[in-house]
Amino acid sequence: MQINPSMGDALGRYLDLASDQLKLTASNMANIDTPGYKTQGFDFEQEFRRQQSGLDPAGPQITTVDGLVARPDGNNVSMDREGLQLAQTQLKFKMGVELLKGQFSSVMTAIHAETK
């Protein structure tokens, strides 16, 4: 049985990015009543590809999200957008955990196969 350690590394980076996305969404939600606050975000897939390249191991490049409607106080946080973002990120995180569990299960199968 062949074990692919780079797959485990990629899944670790994927879960780290999902965690960063959840923190950013929570921060946006926490600032819904802060006058002048601008919604922040990052492109998940682009960040994952960038981190996979190994050229820039730094965290995600966070920017303000353009195209959102601002309220009279200058705040543009939308709970609808953040709720959707939260649900999508939870699904990504759950998928990453399931894939990682599959990796560990393969390792355990390989370990037990040699003892038989």
PDB file of N, CA and C in Angstrom:
ATOM      1  N   MET A   1       0.849  -1.183   0.000  1.00  0.00           N
ATOM      2  CA  MET A   1       0.000   0.000   0.000  1.00  0.00           C
ATOM      3  C   MET A   1       0.886   1.234   0.000  1.00  0.00           C
ATOM      4  N   GLN A   2       0.535   2.181  -0.840  1.00  0.00           N
ATOM      5  CA  GLN A   2       1.313   3.406  -0.933  1.00  0.00           C
ATOM      6  C   GLN A   2       0.606   4.520  -0.160  1.00  0.00           C
ATOM      7  N   ILE A   3       1.359   5.218   0.682  1.00  0.00           N
ATOM      8  CA  ILE A   3       0.818   6.322   1.472  1.00  0.00           C
ATOM      9  C   ILE A   3       1.378   7.614   0.921  1.00  0.00           C
ATOM     10  N   ASN A   4       0.508   8.585   0.738  1.00  0.00           N
ATOM     11  CA  ASN A   4       0.890   9.858   0.149  1.00  0.00           C
ATOM     12  C   ASN A   4       0.930  10.933   1.237  1.00  0.00           C
ATOM     13  N   PRO A   5       2.136  11.251   1.785  1.00  0.00           N
ATOM     14  CA  PRO A   5       2.189  12.261   2.856  1.00  0.00           C
ATOM     15  C   PRO A   5       1.848  13.660   2.379  1.00  0.00           C
ATOM     16  N   SER A   6       2.059  13.956   1.081  1.00  0.00           N
ATOM     17  CA  SER A   6       1.737  15.303   0.602  1.00  0.00           C
ATOM     18  C   SER A   6       0.230  15.553   0.619  1.00  0.00           C
ATOM     19  N   MET A   7      -0.558  14.489   0.483  1.00  0.00           N
ATOM     20  CA  MET A   7      -2.021  14.636   0.565  1.00  0.00           C
ATOM     21  C   MET A   7      -2.412  15.081   1.971  1.00  0.00           C
ATOM     22  N   GLY A   8      -1.787  14.505   2.975  1.00  0.00           N
ATOM     23  CA  GLY A   8      -2.063  14.904   4.359  1.00  0.00           C
ATOM     24  C   GLY A   8      -1.665  16.350   4.605  1.00  0.00           C
ATOM     25  N   ASP A   9      -0.532  16.770   4.042  1.00  0.00           N
ATOM     26  CA  ASP A   9      -0.102  18.167   4.172  1.00  0.00           C
ATOM     27  C   ASP A   9      -1.107  19.104   3.503  1.00  0.00           C
ATOM     28  N   ALA A  10      -1.555  18.727   2.321  1.00  0.00           N
ATOM     29  CA  ALA A  10      -2.524  19.562   1.598  1.00  0.00           C
ATOM     30  C   ALA A  10      -3.830  19.665   2.381  1.00  0.00           C
ATOM     31  N   LEU A  11      -4.255  18.559   2.959  1.00  0.00           N
ATOM     32  CA  LEU A  11      -5.485  18.593   3.756  1.00  0.00           C
ATOM     33  C   LEU A  11      -5.317  19.459   4.997  1.00  0.00           C
ATOM     34  N   GLY A  12      -4.124  19.444   5.578  1.00  0.00           N
ATOM     35  CA  GLY A  12      -3.848  20.308   6.731  1.00  0.00           C
ATOM     36  C   GLY A  12      -3.949  21.776   6.349  1.00  0.00           C
ATOM     37  N   ARG A  13      -3.378  22.136   5.201  1.00  0.00           N
ATOM     38  CA  ARG A  13      -3.469  23.525   4.728  1.00  0.00           C
ATOM     39  C   ARG A  13      -4.920  23.889   4.402  1.00  0.00           C
ATOM     40  N   TYR A  14      -5.652  22.955   3.835  1.00  0.00           N
ATOM     41  CA  TYR A  14      -7.062  23.186   3.503  1.00  0.00           C
ATOM     42  C   TYR A  14      -7.862  23.475   4.774  1.00  0.00           C
ATOM     43  N   LEU A  15      -7.632  22.673   5.815  1.00  0.00           N
ATOM     44  CA  LEU A  15      -8.342  22.887   7.078  1.00  0.00           C
ATOM     45  C   LEU A  15      -7.921  24.185   7.746  1.00  0.00           C
ATOM     46  N   ASP A  16      -6.635  24.540   7.651  1.00  0.00           N
ATOM     47  CA  ASP A  16      -6.172  25.823   8.207  1.00  0.00           C
ATOM     48  C   ASP A  16      -6.866  26.989   7.502  1.00  0.00           C
ATOM     49  N   LEU A  17      -6.990  26.897   6.184  1.00  0.00           N
ATOM     50  CA  LEU A  17      -7.670  27.965   5.437  1.00  0.00           C
ATOM     51  C   LEU A  17      -9.142  28.039   5.819  1.00  0.00           C
ATOM     52  N   ALA A  18      -9.779  26.891   5.973  1.00  0.00           N
ATOM     53  CA  ALA A  18     -11.195  26.883   6.386  1.00  0.00           C
ATOM     54  C   ALA A  18     -11.336  27.517   7.765  1.00  0.00           C
ATOM     55  N   SER A  19     -10.396  27.236   8.648  1.00  0.00           N
ATOM     56  CA  SER A  19     -10.412  27.840   9.984  1.00  0.00           C
ATOM     57  C   SER A  19     -10.236  29.362   9.886  1.00  0.00           C
ATOM     58  N   ASP A  20      -9.310  29.808   9.036  1.00  0.00           N
ATOM     59  CA  ASP A  20      -9.122  31.253   8.833  1.00  0.00           C
ATOM     60  C   ASP A  20     -10.401  31.896   8.293  1.00  0.00           C
ATOM     61  N   GLN A  21     -11.070  31.197   7.384  1.00  0.00           N
ATOM     62  CA  GLN A  21     -12.311  31.722   6.812  1.00  0.00           C
ATOM     63  C   GLN A  21     -13.395  31.835   7.884  1.00  0.00           C
ATOM     64  N   LEU A  22     -13.484  30.838   8.750  1.00  0.00           N
ATOM     65  CA  LEU A  22     -14.483  30.887   9.828  1.00  0.00           C
ATOM     66  C   LEU A  22     -14.211  32.055  10.774  1.00  0.00           C
ATOM     67  N   LYS A  23     -12.939  32.279  11.108  1.00  0.00           N
ATOM     68  CA  LYS A  23     -12.583  33.397  11.997  1.00  0.00           C
ATOM     69  C   LYS A  23     -12.922  34.734  11.352  1.00  0.00           C
ATOM     70  N   LEU A  24     -12.653  34.847  10.054  1.00  0.00           N
ATOM     71  CA  LEU A  24     -12.941  36.095   9.354  1.00  0.00           C
ATOM     72  C   LEU A  24     -14.442  36.354   9.279  1.00  0.00           C
ATOM     73  N   THR A  25     -15.209  35.313   9.021  1.00  0.00           N
ATOM     74  CA  THR A  25     -16.666  35.455   8.987  1.00  0.00           C
ATOM     75  C   THR A  25     -17.191  35.867  10.362  1.00  0.00           C
ATOM     76  N   ALA A  26     -16.670  35.246  11.401  1.00  0.00           N
ATOM     77  CA  ALA A  26     -17.085  35.615  12.769  1.00  0.00           C
ATOM     78  C   ALA A  26     -16.723  37.065  13.072  1.00  0.00           C
ATOM     79  N   SER A  27     -15.559  37.499  12.609  1.00  0.00           N
ATOM     80  CA  SER A  27     -15.148  38.889  12.818  1.00  0.00           C
ATOM     81  C   SER A  27     -16.081  39.850  12.086  1.00  0.00           C
ATOM     82  N   ASN A  28     -16.454  39.500  10.856  1.00  0.00           N
ATOM     83  CA  ASN A  28     -17.393  40.343  10.117  1.00  0.00           C
ATOM     84  C   ASN A  28     -18.730  40.430  10.849  1.00  0.00           C
ATOM     85  N   MET A  29     -19.207  39.292  11.346  1.00  0.00           N
ATOM     86  CA  MET A  29     -20.489  39.280  12.070  1.00  0.00           C
ATOM     87  C   MET A  29     -20.392  40.100  13.359  1.00  0.00           C
ATOM     88  N   ALA A  30     -19.267  40.006  14.034  1.00  0.00           N
ATOM     89  CA  ALA A  30     -19.097  40.737  15.295  1.00  0.00           C
ATOM     90  C   ALA A  30     -19.072  42.244  15.083  1.00  0.00           C
ATOM     91  N   ASN A  31     -18.715  42.654  13.873  1.00  0.00           N
ATOM     92  CA  ASN A  31     -18.614  44.089  13.587  1.00  0.00           C
ATOM     93  C   ASN A  31     -19.820  44.631  12.823  1.00  0.00           C
ATOM     94  N   ILE A  32     -20.929  43.954  12.873  1.00  0.00           N
ATOM     95  CA  ILE A  32     -22.100  44.406  12.113  1.00  0.00           C
ATOM     96  C   ILE A  32     -22.614  45.766  12.580  1.00  0.00           C
ATOM     97  N   ASP A  33     -22.368  46.137  13.812  1.00  0.00           N
ATOM     98  CA  ASP A  33     -22.829  47.437  14.323  1.00  0.00           C
ATOM     99  C   ASP A  33     -21.708  48.461  14.433  1.00  0.00           C
ATOM    100  N   THR A  34     -20.542  48.173  13.885  1.00  0.00           N
ATOM    101  CA  THR A  34     -19.416  49.102  13.942  1.00  0.00           C
ATOM    102  C   THR A  34     -19.497  50.091  12.776  1.00  0.00           C
ATOM    103  N   PRO A  35     -19.711  51.368  13.052  1.00  0.00           N
ATOM    104  CA  PRO A  35     -19.805  52.338  11.961  1.00  0.00           C
ATOM    105  C   PRO A  35     -18.528  52.359  11.118  1.00  0.00           C
ATOM    106  N   GLY A  36     -18.710  52.361   9.798  1.00  0.00           N
ATOM    107  CA  GLY A  36     -17.587  52.449   8.882  1.00  0.00           C
ATOM    108  C   GLY A  36     -16.860  51.137   8.618  1.00  0.00           C
ATOM    109  N   TYR A  37     -17.233  50.062   9.300  1.00  0.00           N
ATOM    110  CA  TYR A  37     -16.553  48.771   9.099  1.00  0.00           C
ATOM    111  C   TYR A  37     -16.859  48.239   7.704  1.00  0.00           C
ATOM    112  N   LYS A  38     -15.838  47.728   7.040  1.00  0.00           N
ATOM    113  CA  LYS A  38     -15.986  47.138   5.708  1.00  0.00           C
ATOM    114  C   LYS A  38     -15.759  45.631   5.797  1.00  0.00           C
ATOM    115  N   THR A  39     -16.627  44.870   5.160  1.00  0.00           N
ATOM    116  CA  THR A  39     -16.528  43.414   5.147  1.00  0.00           C
ATOM    117  C   THR A  39     -15.193  42.984   4.564  1.00  0.00           C
ATOM    118  N   GLN A  40     -14.562  42.033   5.249  1.00  0.00           N
ATOM    119  CA  GLN A  40     -13.279  41.518   4.793  1.00  0.00           C
ATOM    120  C   GLN A  40     -13.433  40.075   4.321  1.00  0.00           C
ATOM    121  N   GLY A  41     -12.570  39.671   3.405  1.00  0.00           N
ATOM    122  CA  GLY A  41     -12.646  38.315   2.895  1.00  0.00           C
ATOM    123  C   GLY A  41     -11.414  37.946   2.092  1.00  0.00           C
ATOM    124  N   PHE A  42     -11.388  36.714   1.624  1.00  0.00           N
ATOM    125  CA  PHE A  42     -10.345  36.246   0.702  1.00  0.00           C
ATOM    126  C   PHE A  42     -10.929  35.160  -0.176  1.00  0.00           C
ATOM    127  N   ASP A  43     -10.311  34.973  -1.340  1.00  0.00           N
ATOM    128  CA  ASP A  43     -10.737  33.948  -2.289  1.00  0.00           C
ATOM    129  C   ASP A  43     -10.152  32.620  -1.834  1.00  0.00           C
ATOM    130  N   PHE A  44     -10.999  31.733  -1.312  1.00  0.00           N
ATOM    131  CA  PHE A  44     -10.548  30.469  -0.710  1.00  0.00           C
ATOM    132  C   PHE A  44      -9.769  29.616  -1.706  1.00  0.00           C
ATOM    133  N   GLU A  45     -10.335  29.399  -2.874  1.00  0.00           N
ATOM    134  CA  GLU A  45      -9.696  28.508  -3.846  1.00  0.00           C
ATOM    135  C   GLU A  45      -8.355  29.082  -4.324  1.00  0.00           C
ATOM    136  N   GLN A  46      -8.326  30.392  -4.567  1.00  0.00           N
ATOM    137  CA  GLN A  46      -7.084  31.024  -5.011  1.00  0.00           C
ATOM    138  C   GLN A  46      -6.015  30.926  -3.916  1.00  0.00           C
ATOM    139  N   GLU A  47      -6.408  31.138  -2.672  1.00  0.00           N
ATOM    140  CA  GLU A  47      -5.456  31.045  -1.557  1.00  0.00           C
ATOM    141  C   GLU A  47      -4.939  29.622  -1.396  1.00  0.00           C
ATOM    142  N   PHE A  48      -5.818  28.652  -1.582  1.00  0.00           N
ATOM    143  CA  PHE A  48      -5.387  27.254  -1.464  1.00  0.00           C
ATOM    144  C   PHE A  48      -4.373  26.916  -2.555  1.00  0.00           C
ATOM    145  N   ARG A  49      -4.650  27.361  -3.786  1.00  0.00           N
ATOM    146  CA  ARG A  49      -3.692  27.113  -4.883  1.00  0.00           C
ATOM    147  C   ARG A  49      -2.363  27.803  -4.590  1.00  0.00           C
ATOM    148  N   ARG A  50      -2.414  29.036  -4.087  1.00  0.00           N
ATOM    149  CA  ARG A  50      -1.198  29.790  -3.792  1.00  0.00           C
ATOM    150  C   ARG A  50      -0.382  29.078  -2.714  1.00  0.00           C
ATOM    151  N   GLN A  51      -1.055  28.600  -1.680  1.00  0.00           N
ATOM    152  CA  GLN A  51      -0.335  27.916  -0.614  1.00  0.00           C
ATOM    153  C   GLN A  51       0.177  26.556  -1.060  1.00  0.00           C
ATOM    154  N   GLN A  52      -0.557  25.905  -1.977  1.00  0.00           N
ATOM    155  CA  GLN A  52      -0.098  24.629  -2.519  1.00  0.00           C
ATOM    156  C   GLN A  52       1.170  24.791  -3.342  1.00  0.00           C
ATOM    157  N   SER A  53       1.328  25.954  -3.956  1.00  0.00           N
ATOM    158  CA  SER A  53       2.512  26.175  -4.787  1.00  0.00           C
ATOM    159  C   SER A  53       3.778  26.232  -3.931  1.00  0.00           C
ATOM    160  N   GLY A  54       3.622  26.566  -2.653  1.00  0.00           N
ATOM    161  CA  GLY A  54       4.763  26.630  -1.752  1.00  0.00           C
ATOM    162  C   GLY A  54       5.607  27.875  -1.924  1.00  0.00           C
ATOM    163  N   LEU A  55       5.195  28.769  -2.812  1.00  0.00           N
ATOM    164  CA  LEU A  55       5.978  29.973  -3.048  1.00  0.00           C
ATOM    165  C   LEU A  55       5.802  30.994  -1.926  1.00  0.00           C
ATOM    166  N   ASP A  56       4.632  31.041  -1.343  1.00  0.00           N
ATOM    167  CA  ASP A  56       4.359  32.033  -0.305  1.00  0.00           C
ATOM    168  C   ASP A  56       3.582  31.350   0.821  1.00  0.00           C
ATOM    169  N   PRO A  57       4.275  30.881   1.865  1.00  0.00           N
ATOM    170  CA  PRO A  57       3.594  30.146   2.928  1.00  0.00           C
ATOM    171  C   PRO A  57       2.818  31.029   3.906  1.00  0.00           C
ATOM    172  N   ALA A  58       2.801  32.330   3.679  1.00  0.00           N
ATOM    173  CA  ALA A  58       2.082  33.224   4.600  1.00  0.00           C
ATOM    174  C   ALA A  58       0.585  32.927   4.570  1.00  0.00           C
ATOM    175  N   GLY A  59      -0.124  33.455   5.545  1.00  0.00           N
ATOM    176  CA  GLY A  59      -1.566  33.257   5.638  1.00  0.00           C
ATOM    177  C   GLY A  59      -2.295  33.911   4.483  1.00  0.00           C
ATOM    178  N   PRO A  60      -3.618  33.807   4.483  1.00  0.00           N
ATOM    179  CA  PRO A  60      -4.397  34.345   3.370  1.00  0.00           C
ATOM    180  C   PRO A  60      -4.272  35.861   3.256  1.00  0.00           C
ATOM    181  N   GLN A  61      -4.337  36.318   2.016  1.00  0.00           N
ATOM    182  CA  GLN A  61      -4.285  37.754   1.750  1.00  0.00           C
ATOM    183  C   GLN A  61      -5.702  38.309   1.865  1.00  0.00           C
ATOM    184  N   ILE A  62      -5.956  38.961   2.982  1.00  0.00           N
ATOM    185  CA  ILE A  62      -7.296  39.451   3.287  1.00  0.00           C
ATOM    186  C   ILE A  62      -7.481  40.845   2.700  1.00  0.00           C
ATOM    187  N   THR A  63      -8.624  41.020   2.041  1.00  0.00           N
ATOM    188  CA  THR A  63      -8.956  42.314   1.439  1.00  0.00           C
ATOM    189  C   THR A  63     -10.385  42.679   1.814  1.00  0.00           C
ATOM    190  N   THR A  64     -10.749  43.934   1.568  1.00  0.00           N
ATOM    191  CA  THR A  64     -12.147  44.311   1.755  1.00  0.00           C
ATOM    192  C   THR A  64     -12.933  43.797   0.556  1.00  0.00           C
ATOM    193  N   VAL A  65     -14.169  43.414   0.811  1.00  0.00           N
ATOM    194  CA  VAL A  65     -15.022  42.855  -0.234  1.00  0.00           C
ATOM    195  C   VAL A  65     -15.720  44.004  -0.962  1.00  0.00           C
ATOM    196  N   ASP A  66     -15.549  44.044  -2.272  1.00  0.00           N
ATOM    197  CA  ASP A  66     -16.168  45.095  -3.082  1.00  0.00           C
ATOM    198  C   ASP A  66     -17.579  44.695  -3.489  1.00  0.00           C
ATOM    199  N   GLY A  67     -18.371  45.694  -3.838  1.00  0.00           N
ATOM    200  CA  GLY A  67     -19.690  45.446  -4.414  1.00  0.00           C
ATOM    201  C   GLY A  67     -20.808  45.244  -3.412  1.00  0.00           C
ATOM    202  N   LEU A  68     -20.545  45.452  -2.119  1.00  0.00           N
ATOM    203  CA  LEU A  68     -21.611  45.290  -1.126  1.00  0.00           C
ATOM    204  C   LEU A  68     -22.257  46.643  -0.851  1.00  0.00           C
ATOM    205  N   VAL A  69     -23.524  46.630  -0.532  1.00  0.00           N
ATOM    206  CA  VAL A  69     -24.262  47.858  -0.250  1.00  0.00           C
ATOM    207  C   VAL A  69     -23.954  48.312   1.173  1.00  0.00           C
ATOM    208  N   ALA A  70     -23.529  49.583   1.294  1.00  0.00           N
ATOM    209  CA  ALA A  70     -23.209  50.122   2.618  1.00  0.00           C
ATOM    210  C   ALA A  70     -24.432  50.835   3.198  1.00  0.00           C
ATOM    211  N   ARG A  71     -24.577  50.723   4.496  1.00  0.00           N
ATOM    212  CA  ARG A  71     -25.653  51.431   5.197  1.00  0.00           C
ATOM    213  C   ARG A  71     -25.223  52.896   5.382  1.00  0.00           C
ATOM    214  N   PRO A  72     -26.120  53.754   5.836  1.00  0.00           N
ATOM    215  CA  PRO A  72     -25.756  55.167   6.009  1.00  0.00           C
ATOM    216  C   PRO A  72     -24.557  55.397   6.940  1.00  0.00           C
ATOM    217  N   ASP A  73     -24.308  54.472   7.882  1.00  0.00           N
ATOM    218  CA  ASP A  73     -23.146  54.646   8.768  1.00  0.00           C
ATOM    219  C   ASP A  73     -21.841  54.154   8.138  1.00  0.00           C
ATOM    220  N   GLY A  74     -21.884  53.688   6.872  1.00  0.00           N
ATOM    221  CA  GLY A  74     -20.686  53.244   6.170  1.00  0.00           C
ATOM    222  C   GLY A  74     -20.367  51.774   6.333  1.00  0.00           C
ATOM    223  N   ASN A  75     -21.086  51.079   7.199  1.00  0.00           N
ATOM    224  CA  ASN A  75     -20.866  49.650   7.413  1.00  0.00           C
ATOM    225  C   ASN A  75     -21.534  48.873   6.274  1.00  0.00           C
ATOM    226  N   ASN A  76     -20.837  47.872   5.716  1.00  0.00           N
ATOM    227  CA  ASN A  76     -21.424  47.091   4.617  1.00  0.00           C
ATOM    228  C   ASN A  76     -21.543  45.599   4.926  1.00  0.00           C
ATOM    229  N   VAL A  77     -21.554  45.245   6.224  1.00  0.00           N
ATOM    230  CA  VAL A  77     -21.697  43.824   6.589  1.00  0.00           C
ATOM    231  C   VAL A  77     -23.133  43.383   6.356  1.00  0.00           C
ATOM    232  N   SER A  78     -23.292  42.261   5.657  1.00  0.00           N
ATOM    233  CA  SER A  78     -24.607  41.666   5.398  1.00  0.00           C
ATOM    234  C   SER A  78     -24.667  40.332   6.132  1.00  0.00           C
ATOM    235  N   MET A  79     -25.623  40.209   7.037  1.00  0.00           N
ATOM    236  CA  MET A  79     -25.753  38.939   7.756  1.00  0.00           C
ATOM    237  C   MET A  79     -26.146  37.805   6.819  1.00  0.00           C
ATOM    238  N   ASP A  80     -26.895  38.113   5.759  1.00  0.00           N
ATOM    239  CA  ASP A  80     -27.242  37.074   4.779  1.00  0.00           C
ATOM    240  C   ASP A  80     -25.978  36.531   4.117  1.00  0.00           C
ATOM    241  N   ARG A  81     -25.094  37.433   3.678  1.00  0.00           N
ATOM    242  CA  ARG A  81     -23.849  37.011   3.042  1.00  0.00           C
ATOM    243  C   ARG A  81     -22.983  36.234   4.029  1.00  0.00           C
ATOM    244  N   GLU A  82     -22.868  36.734   5.231  1.00  0.00           N
ATOM    245  CA  GLU A  82     -22.007  36.072   6.224  1.00  0.00           C
ATOM    246  C   GLU A  82     -22.577  34.710   6.636  1.00  0.00           C
ATOM    247  N   GLY A  83     -23.903  34.614   6.735  1.00  0.00           N
ATOM    248  CA  GLY A  83     -24.525  33.327   7.055  1.00  0.00           C
ATOM    249  C   GLY A  83     -24.255  32.293   5.971  1.00  0.00           C
ATOM    250  N   LEU A  84     -24.347  32.720   4.718  1.00  0.00           N
ATOM    251  CA  LEU A  84     -24.051  31.826   3.595  1.00  0.00           C
ATOM    252  C   LEU A  84     -22.577  31.434   3.607  1.00  0.00           C
ATOM    253  N   GLN A  85     -21.715  32.416   3.858  1.00  0.00           N
ATOM    254  CA  GLN A  85     -20.276  32.157   3.929  1.00  0.00           C
ATOM    255  C   GLN A  85     -19.968  31.147   5.038  1.00  0.00           C
ATOM    256  N   LEU A  86     -20.638  31.308   6.175  1.00  0.00           N
ATOM    257  CA  LEU A  86     -20.438  30.407   7.310  1.00  0.00           C
ATOM    258  C   LEU A  86     -20.851  28.976   6.953  1.00  0.00           C
ATOM    259  N   ALA A  87     -22.011  28.835   6.309  1.00  0.00           N
ATOM    260  CA  ALA A  87     -22.494  27.503   5.925  1.00  0.00           C
ATOM    261  C   ALA A  87     -21.546  26.842   4.922  1.00  0.00           C
ATOM    262  N   GLN A  88     -21.098  27.605   3.919  1.00  0.00           N
ATOM    263  CA  GLN A  88     -20.179  27.046   2.919  1.00  0.00           C
ATOM    264  C   GLN A  88     -18.864  26.610   3.558  1.00  0.00           C
ATOM    265  N   THR A  89     -18.358  27.428   4.471  1.00  0.00           N
ATOM    266  CA  THR A  89     -17.075  27.110   5.095  1.00  0.00           C
ATOM    267  C   THR A  89     -17.207  25.901   6.017  1.00  0.00           C
ATOM    268  N   GLN A  90     -18.337  25.779   6.694  1.00  0.00           N
ATOM    269  CA  GLN A  90     -18.554  24.601   7.534  1.00  0.00           C
ATOM    270  C   GLN A  90     -18.544  23.331   6.686  1.00  0.00           C
ATOM    271  N   LEU A  91     -19.154  23.390   5.501  1.00  0.00           N
ATOM    272  CA  LEU A  91     -19.149  22.228   4.606  1.00  0.00           C
ATOM    273  C   LEU A  91     -17.736  21.907   4.130  1.00  0.00           C
ATOM    274  N   LYS A  92     -16.966  22.950   3.798  1.00  0.00           N
ATOM    275  CA  LYS A  92     -15.575  22.728   3.377  1.00  0.00           C
ATOM    276  C   LYS A  92     -14.784  22.092   4.508  1.00  0.00           C
ATOM    277  N   PHE A  93     -14.966  22.593   5.724  1.00  0.00           N
ATOM    278  CA  PHE A  93     -14.235  22.055   6.870  1.00  0.00           C
ATOM    279  C   PHE A  93     -14.617  20.591   7.108  1.00  0.00           C
ATOM    280  N   LYS A  94     -15.915  20.306   7.041  1.00  0.00           N
ATOM    281  CA  LYS A  94     -16.377  18.928   7.264  1.00  0.00           C
ATOM    282  C   LYS A  94     -15.816  17.994   6.198  1.00  0.00           C
ATOM    283  N   MET A  95     -15.797  18.447   4.938  1.00  0.00           N
ATOM    284  CA  MET A  95     -15.242  17.627   3.861  1.00  0.00           C
ATOM    285  C   MET A  95     -13.746  17.371   4.102  1.00  0.00           C
ATOM    286  N   GLY A  96     -13.016  18.413   4.518  1.00  0.00           N
ATOM    287  CA  GLY A  96     -11.590  18.252   4.798  1.00  0.00           C
ATOM    288  C   GLY A  96     -11.335  17.261   5.910  1.00  0.00           C
ATOM    289  N   VAL A  97     -12.158  17.315   6.959  1.00  0.00           N
ATOM    290  CA  VAL A  97     -12.004  16.375   8.078  1.00  0.00           C
ATOM    291  C   VAL A  97     -12.284  14.953   7.616  1.00  0.00           C
ATOM    292  N   GLU A  98     -13.320  14.775   6.798  1.00  0.00           N
ATOM    293  CA  GLU A  98     -13.645  13.429   6.300  1.00  0.00           C
ATOM    294  C   GLU A  98     -12.513  12.879   5.428  1.00  0.00           C
ATOM    295  N   LEU A  99     -11.934  13.720   4.583  1.00  0.00           N
ATOM    296  CA  LEU A  99     -10.814  13.272   3.746  1.00  0.00           C
ATOM    297  C   LEU A  99      -9.599  12.924   4.600  1.00  0.00           C
ATOM    298  N   LEU A 100      -9.356  13.718   5.632  1.00  0.00           N
ATOM    299  CA  LEU A 100      -8.231  13.442   6.530  1.00  0.00           C
ATOM    300  C   LEU A 100      -8.463  12.141   7.301  1.00  0.00           C
ATOM    301  N   LYS A 101      -9.704  11.917   7.718  1.00  0.00           N
ATOM    302  CA  LYS A 101     -10.027  10.660   8.389  1.00  0.00           C
ATOM    303  C   LYS A 101      -9.757   9.483   7.455  1.00  0.00           C
ATOM    304  N   GLY A 102     -10.070   9.649   6.164  1.00  0.00           N
ATOM    305  CA  GLY A 102      -9.800   8.604   5.185  1.00  0.00           C
ATOM    306  C   GLY A 102      -8.311   8.329   5.058  1.00  0.00           C
ATOM    307  N   GLN A 103      -7.496   9.406   5.115  1.00  0.00           N
ATOM    308  CA  GLN A 103      -6.040   9.241   5.055  1.00  0.00           C
ATOM    309  C   GLN A 103      -5.549   8.433   6.255  1.00  0.00           C
ATOM    310  N   PHE A 104      -6.007   8.802   7.444  1.00  0.00           N
ATOM    311  CA  PHE A 104      -5.587   8.079   8.648  1.00  0.00           C
ATOM    312  C   PHE A 104      -6.088   6.635   8.627  1.00  0.00           C
ATOM    313  N   SER A 105      -7.278   6.436   8.106  1.00  0.00           N
ATOM    314  CA  SER A 105      -7.810   5.082   8.007  1.00  0.00           C
ATOM    315  C   SER A 105      -6.927   4.235   7.079  1.00  0.00           C
ATOM    316  N   SER A 106      -6.448   4.841   5.988  1.00  0.00           N
ATOM    317  CA  SER A 106      -5.553   4.114   5.075  1.00  0.00           C
ATOM    318  C   SER A 106      -4.248   3.739   5.768  1.00  0.00           C
ATOM    319  N   VAL A 107      -3.732   4.653   6.580  1.00  0.00           N
ATOM    320  CA  VAL A 107      -2.492   4.375   7.307  1.00  0.00           C
ATOM    321  C   VAL A 107      -2.720   3.228   8.295  1.00  0.00           C
ATOM    322  N   MET A 108      -3.840   3.280   8.994  1.00  0.00           N
ATOM    323  CA  MET A 108      -4.133   2.216   9.964  1.00  0.00           C
ATOM    324  C   MET A 108      -4.309   0.874   9.263  1.00  0.00           C
ATOM    325  N   THR A 109      -4.947   0.878   8.099  1.00  0.00           N
ATOM    326  CA  THR A 109      -5.115  -0.358   7.337  1.00  0.00           C
ATOM    327  C   THR A 109      -3.749  -0.910   6.932  1.00  0.00           C
ATOM    328  N   ALA A 110      -2.855  -0.027   6.510  1.00  0.00           N
ATOM    329  CA  ALA A 110      -1.515  -0.462   6.115  1.00  0.00           C
ATOM    330  C   ALA A 110      -0.750  -1.033   7.309  1.00  0.00           C
ATOM    331  N   ILE A 111      -0.892  -0.417   8.464  1.00  0.00           N
ATOM    332  CA  ILE A 111      -0.197  -0.899   9.676  1.00  0.00           C
ATOM    333  C   ILE A 111      -0.721  -2.272  10.063  1.00  0.00           C
ATOM    334  N   HIS A 112      -2.025  -2.430  10.059  1.00  0.00           N
ATOM    335  CA  HIS A 112      -2.612  -3.703  10.468  1.00  0.00           C
ATOM    336  C   HIS A 112      -2.402  -4.784   9.420  1.00  0.00           C
ATOM    337  N   ALA A 113      -2.234  -4.413   8.153  1.00  0.00           N
ATOM    338  CA  ALA A 113      -2.019  -5.403   7.102  1.00  0.00           C
ATOM    339  C   ALA A 113      -0.690  -6.123   7.286  1.00  0.00           C
ATOM    340  N   GLU A 114       0.303  -5.403   7.828  1.00  0.00           N
ATOM    341  CA  GLU A 114       1.608  -6.030   8.008  1.00  0.00           C
ATOM    342  C   GLU A 114       1.654  -6.930   9.235  1.00  0.00           C
ATOM    343  N   THR A 115       0.722  -6.767  10.163  1.00  0.00           N
ATOM    344  CA  THR A 115       0.709  -7.615  11.352  1.00  0.00           C
ATOM    345  C   THR A 115      -0.045  -8.904  11.120  1.00  0.00           C
ATOM    346  N   LYS A 116      -0.780  -8.999  10.009  1.00  0.00           N
ATOM    347  CA  LYS A 116      -1.549 -10.218   9.726  1.00  0.00           C
ATOM    348  C   LYS A 116      -0.691 -11.261   9.067  1.00  0.00           C
TER     349      LYS A 116
END
